Protein backbone atom coordinates (compact mmCIF):
# COMPACT_ATOMS: atom_id res chain seq x y z
CA UNK A 1 120.36 112.89 189.45
CA UNK A 2 116.77 111.87 188.64
CA UNK A 3 115.10 112.18 185.28
CA UNK A 4 112.93 114.83 184.60
CA UNK A 5 109.24 114.37 183.49
CA UNK A 6 109.22 113.79 179.52
CA UNK A 7 108.87 117.21 177.72
CA UNK A 8 107.39 116.09 174.51
CA UNK A 9 105.36 113.19 173.28
CA UNK A 10 103.95 112.99 169.72
CA UNK A 11 102.87 109.19 169.97
CA UNK A 12 105.91 108.10 167.95
CA UNK A 13 108.55 110.32 169.66
CA UNK A 14 108.91 110.94 173.37
CA UNK A 15 111.73 113.00 174.81
CA UNK A 16 113.16 112.86 178.24
CA UNK A 17 115.23 115.57 179.88
CA UNK A 18 118.44 114.12 181.35
CA UNK A 19 120.82 117.23 181.97
CA UNK A 20 120.73 120.98 181.71
CA UNK A 21 121.23 122.48 178.32
CA UNK A 22 124.81 123.34 178.97
CA UNK A 23 125.87 119.72 179.53
CA UNK A 24 125.32 118.63 175.99
CA UNK A 25 124.28 114.99 175.63
CA UNK A 26 126.23 114.11 172.34
CA UNK A 27 126.39 110.25 171.86
CA UNK A 28 124.88 107.09 173.35
CA UNK A 29 124.92 103.24 173.48
CA UNK A 30 123.40 100.42 175.16
CA UNK A 31 125.52 99.19 177.70
CA UNK A 32 126.28 95.57 178.81
CA UNK A 33 124.00 96.21 181.89
CA UNK A 34 121.01 96.87 179.54
CA UNK A 35 121.05 100.61 180.51
CA UNK A 36 121.56 103.49 178.23
CA UNK A 37 124.75 105.25 178.59
CA UNK A 38 125.51 108.68 177.00
CA UNK A 39 128.25 111.42 176.80
CA UNK A 40 127.88 114.80 178.24
CA UNK A 41 130.41 116.51 176.15
CA UNK A 42 130.38 119.91 177.81
CA UNK A 43 130.39 118.51 181.30
CA UNK A 44 133.26 116.24 181.16
CA UNK A 45 130.97 113.28 182.23
CA UNK A 46 129.17 110.06 181.14
CA UNK A 47 125.74 109.35 182.20
CA UNK A 48 123.66 106.29 182.77
CA UNK A 49 119.90 105.99 182.24
CA UNK A 50 118.57 103.07 184.12
CA UNK A 51 116.51 100.59 182.00
CA UNK A 52 113.59 100.24 184.66
CA UNK A 53 113.37 103.45 186.56
CA UNK A 54 115.04 106.00 184.15
CA UNK A 55 117.22 107.19 187.01
CA UNK A 56 120.11 109.02 185.60
CA UNK A 57 123.52 108.65 187.15
CA UNK A 58 126.49 110.79 186.26
CA UNK A 59 129.99 109.83 186.18
CA UNK A 60 133.01 112.56 185.85
CA UNK A 61 135.60 111.64 183.16
CA UNK A 62 137.99 113.44 181.05
CA UNK A 63 137.43 116.62 179.17
CA UNK A 64 135.13 116.38 175.96
CA UNK A 65 133.72 112.96 176.06
CA UNK A 66 132.30 112.39 172.71
CA UNK A 67 131.55 109.11 171.07
CA UNK A 68 130.83 106.15 173.35
CA UNK A 69 130.39 102.30 172.64
CA UNK A 70 130.36 98.99 174.50
CA UNK A 71 133.51 97.01 174.51
CA UNK A 72 134.31 93.22 174.50
CA UNK A 73 135.20 93.40 178.12
CA UNK A 74 132.09 94.48 179.68
CA UNK A 75 133.08 98.11 180.06
CA UNK A 76 132.13 101.37 178.09
CA UNK A 77 134.65 103.00 175.78
CA UNK A 78 134.44 106.54 174.64
CA UNK A 79 136.80 109.12 173.12
CA UNK A 80 137.93 112.23 175.02
CA UNK A 81 138.25 114.89 172.30
CA UNK A 82 139.58 117.72 174.17
CA UNK A 83 141.71 115.60 176.80
CA UNK A 84 143.18 113.62 173.69
CA UNK A 85 142.58 110.28 175.63
CA UNK A 86 140.63 107.08 175.19
CA UNK A 87 138.28 106.63 178.25
CA UNK A 88 137.04 103.31 179.78
CA UNK A 89 134.07 103.12 182.38
CA UNK A 90 132.81 100.00 184.11
CA UNK A 91 129.11 99.76 184.79
CA UNK A 92 130.04 100.11 188.40
CA UNK A 93 131.78 103.34 187.63
CA UNK A 94 135.39 102.64 187.68
CA UNK A 95 137.15 104.80 185.28
CA UNK A 96 140.58 104.94 183.46
CA UNK A 97 141.74 106.50 180.39
CA UNK A 98 144.74 105.79 177.77
CA UNK A 99 146.91 108.25 175.92
CA UNK A 100 147.35 107.71 171.97
CA UNK A 101 150.80 107.71 170.68
CA UNK A 102 150.18 110.94 168.72
CA UNK A 103 149.61 113.86 171.01
CA UNK A 104 146.87 116.45 170.42
CA UNK A 105 145.19 113.94 167.86
CA UNK A 106 141.58 114.73 168.68
CA UNK A 107 140.14 111.29 169.18
CA UNK A 108 136.49 111.21 167.87
CA UNK A 109 135.24 107.98 166.60
CA UNK A 110 135.42 104.63 168.45
CA UNK A 111 134.21 101.07 167.82
CA UNK A 112 134.73 97.57 169.00
CA UNK A 113 137.09 95.92 166.25
CA UNK A 114 136.87 92.41 164.88
CA UNK A 115 140.19 91.60 166.68
CA UNK A 116 138.89 92.02 170.33
CA UNK A 117 140.40 95.48 170.69
CA UNK A 118 138.89 99.07 170.41
CA UNK A 119 139.56 101.01 167.32
CA UNK A 120 139.23 104.91 167.03
CA UNK A 121 140.10 107.84 164.85
CA UNK A 122 142.39 110.73 165.67
CA UNK A 123 140.72 113.29 163.64
CA UNK A 124 143.13 116.14 163.90
CA UNK A 125 146.23 113.74 163.21
CA UNK A 126 144.89 111.96 160.19
CA UNK A 127 145.35 108.51 162.06
CA UNK A 128 143.59 105.58 163.29
CA UNK A 129 144.30 104.01 166.62
CA UNK A 130 143.96 100.66 168.28
CA UNK A 131 143.85 100.07 172.08
CA UNK A 132 143.64 96.48 173.72
CA UNK A 133 141.49 96.18 176.80
CA UNK A 134 144.59 96.29 178.72
CA UNK A 135 145.49 99.67 177.36
CA UNK A 136 148.19 98.77 174.74
CA UNK A 137 147.94 101.37 171.87
CA UNK A 138 149.21 101.30 168.45
CA UNK A 139 148.40 103.55 165.49
CA UNK A 140 148.18 103.80 161.51
CA UNK A 141 148.02 106.31 159.03
CA UNK A 142 144.46 107.02 157.81
CA UNK A 143 143.60 106.69 154.15
CA UNK A 144 142.60 110.20 153.93
CA UNK A 145 141.94 113.55 155.84
CA UNK A 146 140.06 113.96 158.96
CA UNK A 147 138.88 110.21 159.81
CA UNK A 148 135.62 110.79 161.89
CA UNK A 149 133.28 107.80 162.86
CA UNK A 150 134.33 104.27 162.26
CA UNK A 151 132.77 100.94 162.36
CA UNK A 152 133.48 97.16 161.55
CA UNK A 153 132.30 95.99 158.24
CA UNK A 154 130.99 92.53 157.15
CA UNK A 155 134.46 91.98 155.51
CA UNK A 156 136.18 92.01 158.84
CA UNK A 157 137.75 95.67 158.21
CA UNK A 158 137.34 98.86 159.79
CA UNK A 159 135.54 101.50 157.73
CA UNK A 160 135.55 105.31 158.49
CA UNK A 161 134.36 108.62 156.98
CA UNK A 162 137.02 110.85 155.78
CA UNK A 163 135.39 114.17 156.52
CA UNK A 164 137.75 116.44 154.78
CA UNK A 165 139.09 114.01 152.19
CA UNK A 166 135.50 113.38 150.86
CA UNK A 167 135.68 109.74 150.99
CA UNK A 168 135.08 106.63 152.89
CA UNK A 169 138.21 104.75 153.96
CA UNK A 170 138.66 100.98 154.56
CA UNK A 171 141.54 99.86 156.91
CA UNK A 172 142.55 96.30 157.62
CA UNK A 173 143.48 95.10 161.14
CA UNK A 174 147.19 95.12 160.06
CA UNK A 175 146.99 98.83 158.99
CA UNK A 176 146.48 98.72 155.09
CA UNK A 177 144.16 101.74 154.00
CA UNK A 178 142.18 102.36 150.99
CA UNK A 179 140.06 105.37 150.15
CA UNK A 180 136.96 105.54 148.22
CA UNK A 181 136.06 108.97 146.91
CA UNK A 182 132.58 110.14 147.07
CA UNK A 183 130.84 111.23 143.71
CA UNK A 184 129.24 114.50 145.49
CA UNK A 185 131.81 117.35 145.95
CA UNK A 186 131.74 118.80 149.64
CA UNK A 187 129.80 115.74 151.08
CA UNK A 188 131.67 116.03 154.25
CA UNK A 189 130.77 112.24 155.61
CA UNK A 190 130.52 112.03 159.33
CA UNK A 191 128.52 108.97 160.66
CA UNK A 192 128.96 105.52 159.49
CA UNK A 193 127.30 102.21 160.38
CA UNK A 194 127.08 98.39 159.04
CA UNK A 195 123.82 97.80 157.40
CA UNK A 196 121.83 94.56 157.51
CA UNK A 197 122.67 94.21 153.78
CA UNK A 198 126.38 93.75 154.24
CA UNK A 199 126.99 97.34 153.10
CA UNK A 200 128.23 100.38 155.03
CA UNK A 201 125.82 103.32 155.29
CA UNK A 202 127.10 106.91 156.02
CA UNK A 203 125.81 110.43 156.45
CA UNK A 204 126.82 113.30 154.13
CA UNK A 205 126.36 116.19 156.56
CA UNK A 206 127.76 118.76 153.72
CA UNK A 207 125.40 117.36 150.88
CA UNK A 208 122.37 116.43 152.70
CA UNK A 209 122.47 112.96 151.65
CA UNK A 210 122.65 109.23 152.97
CA UNK A 211 125.30 107.04 151.32
CA UNK A 212 125.80 103.59 150.87
CA UNK A 213 129.08 101.69 149.98
CA UNK A 214 129.63 98.03 149.33
CA UNK A 215 132.55 96.21 150.70
CA UNK A 216 133.89 96.39 147.13
CA UNK A 217 133.78 100.13 147.03
CA UNK A 218 130.61 100.86 144.99
CA UNK A 219 128.99 103.97 146.16
CA UNK A 220 125.22 105.05 146.03
CA UNK A 221 123.89 108.39 147.31
CA UNK A 222 120.20 109.11 148.42
CA UNK A 223 119.28 112.74 148.54
CA UNK A 224 117.22 113.91 151.45
CA UNK A 225 113.71 115.78 151.23
CA UNK A 226 115.39 118.78 152.89
CA UNK A 227 118.91 119.43 151.37
CA UNK A 228 119.74 121.48 154.62
CA UNK A 229 119.08 118.51 156.88
CA UNK A 230 122.72 118.12 157.79
CA UNK A 231 122.40 114.34 158.72
CA UNK A 232 125.11 113.54 161.28
CA UNK A 233 124.91 110.02 162.75
CA UNK A 234 123.59 106.83 161.77
CA UNK A 235 122.72 103.31 163.05
CA UNK A 236 120.95 100.02 162.13
CA UNK A 237 117.72 99.82 163.58
CA UNK A 238 115.79 96.61 164.87
CA UNK A 239 113.40 96.88 161.96
CA UNK A 240 115.98 96.20 159.18
CA UNK A 241 116.30 99.96 158.35
CA UNK A 242 119.02 102.54 158.94
CA UNK A 243 118.22 105.28 161.14
CA UNK A 244 119.96 108.70 161.24
CA UNK A 245 119.78 112.14 162.91
CA UNK A 246 119.21 115.28 161.07
CA UNK A 247 121.14 117.98 163.10
CA UNK A 248 120.16 120.82 160.87
CA UNK A 249 116.33 120.25 160.98
CA UNK A 250 115.66 118.88 164.34
CA UNK A 251 114.51 115.31 162.97
CA UNK A 252 115.33 111.73 162.96
CA UNK A 253 115.40 110.11 159.58
CA UNK A 254 114.82 106.49 158.41
CA UNK A 255 115.90 105.05 155.26
CA UNK A 256 115.36 101.31 153.99
CA UNK A 257 118.03 99.33 152.09
CA UNK A 258 116.01 100.18 149.02
CA UNK A 259 116.39 103.94 149.76
CA UNK A 260 112.73 104.89 150.83
CA UNK A 261 113.12 107.67 153.41
CA UNK A 262 110.68 108.86 156.12
CA UNK A 263 111.22 111.36 158.75
CA UNK A 264 110.28 112.07 162.38
CA UNK A 265 110.05 115.62 163.94
CA UNK A 266 111.50 116.16 167.34
CA UNK A 267 110.24 119.05 169.64
CA UNK A 268 112.27 121.84 168.28
CA UNK A 269 114.12 122.34 165.05
CA UNK A 270 117.01 123.49 167.00
CA UNK A 271 117.44 120.65 169.50
CA UNK A 272 120.66 119.53 167.74
CA UNK A 273 120.36 115.69 167.47
CA UNK A 274 123.65 113.91 167.39
CA UNK A 275 124.26 110.37 168.31
CA UNK A 276 121.51 107.57 167.69
CA UNK A 277 121.52 103.88 168.66
CA UNK A 278 118.97 101.28 169.02
CA UNK A 279 117.97 100.32 172.57
CA UNK A 280 115.03 98.42 174.03
CA UNK A 281 113.38 97.79 170.80
CA UNK A 282 113.24 101.49 169.81
CA UNK A 283 115.64 104.17 168.49
CA UNK A 284 117.20 106.75 170.92
CA UNK A 285 119.18 109.87 170.04
CA UNK A 286 120.87 112.43 171.98
CA UNK A 287 119.70 116.13 171.83
CA UNK A 288 122.45 118.45 172.69
CA UNK A 289 120.01 120.80 174.30
CA UNK A 290 119.76 118.48 177.23
CA UNK A 291 117.37 115.33 176.44
CA UNK A 292 117.25 111.90 175.06
CA UNK A 293 114.55 111.15 172.33
CA UNK A 294 113.03 107.73 171.98
CA UNK A 295 111.57 107.04 168.50
CA UNK A 296 109.01 104.14 168.38
CA UNK A 297 109.62 101.46 165.72
CA UNK A 298 106.24 100.86 164.11
CA UNK A 299 105.40 98.23 161.67
């Protein structure tokens, strides 16, 4: 499948159509081959966008591929939310998947852990799992309700958002969990990323805020200009700031570690931006309406 010509260009933002609107680009990451890899959640596929020619190649996988990330073994790892499995895809297209111990757990977030394994959340089962690159799976109770996204913190622990527990959780690699409640009721945290300041940054989709938590558990919240922005995913950018998607307003936001916020409009307010990642010196996000957006990082 070849990339269709860009559909929107404002100078800072360019959009590239990579699928039909029904396929649902959801999350994306830079692969070990320098390409941009993304999930097509409604098509049951993972796709690759070539770094030089923009060529899009689609690989069928299990049902409902959701969050994707690069693993320590040179492969792409992703959650299959509806198939209740963890998928692995090499850059050459070899696919395998692994079943968590808890059936029907709804795997969502996934990250490379500090111990050389992949860690994932089982949102529907309130558990966090670990899978080695050889496919050996273990699980631990999550420190709260509906663990969603997760990442490795500067302290060598796993940190996750507890969407229905209104908290952020910390889990050591031996399974000891701690929950840190959020000060805003109904915050509904989703995305989380390690920041350049050693803290964890997260989105509050229910409260229209960006949160920051230190590894000691101190929480700071930053309200967005649009209370209905519904921030979803967040990532560290190449400019020392945090970048996030505003699902409710069709924008991409940027927040400095000091809390200064700017926003970039996408082509449509209803384009449904979800995942976001740094790639090739810019920020890229997946628009569920069928495109990838590239946001230029300017001095």
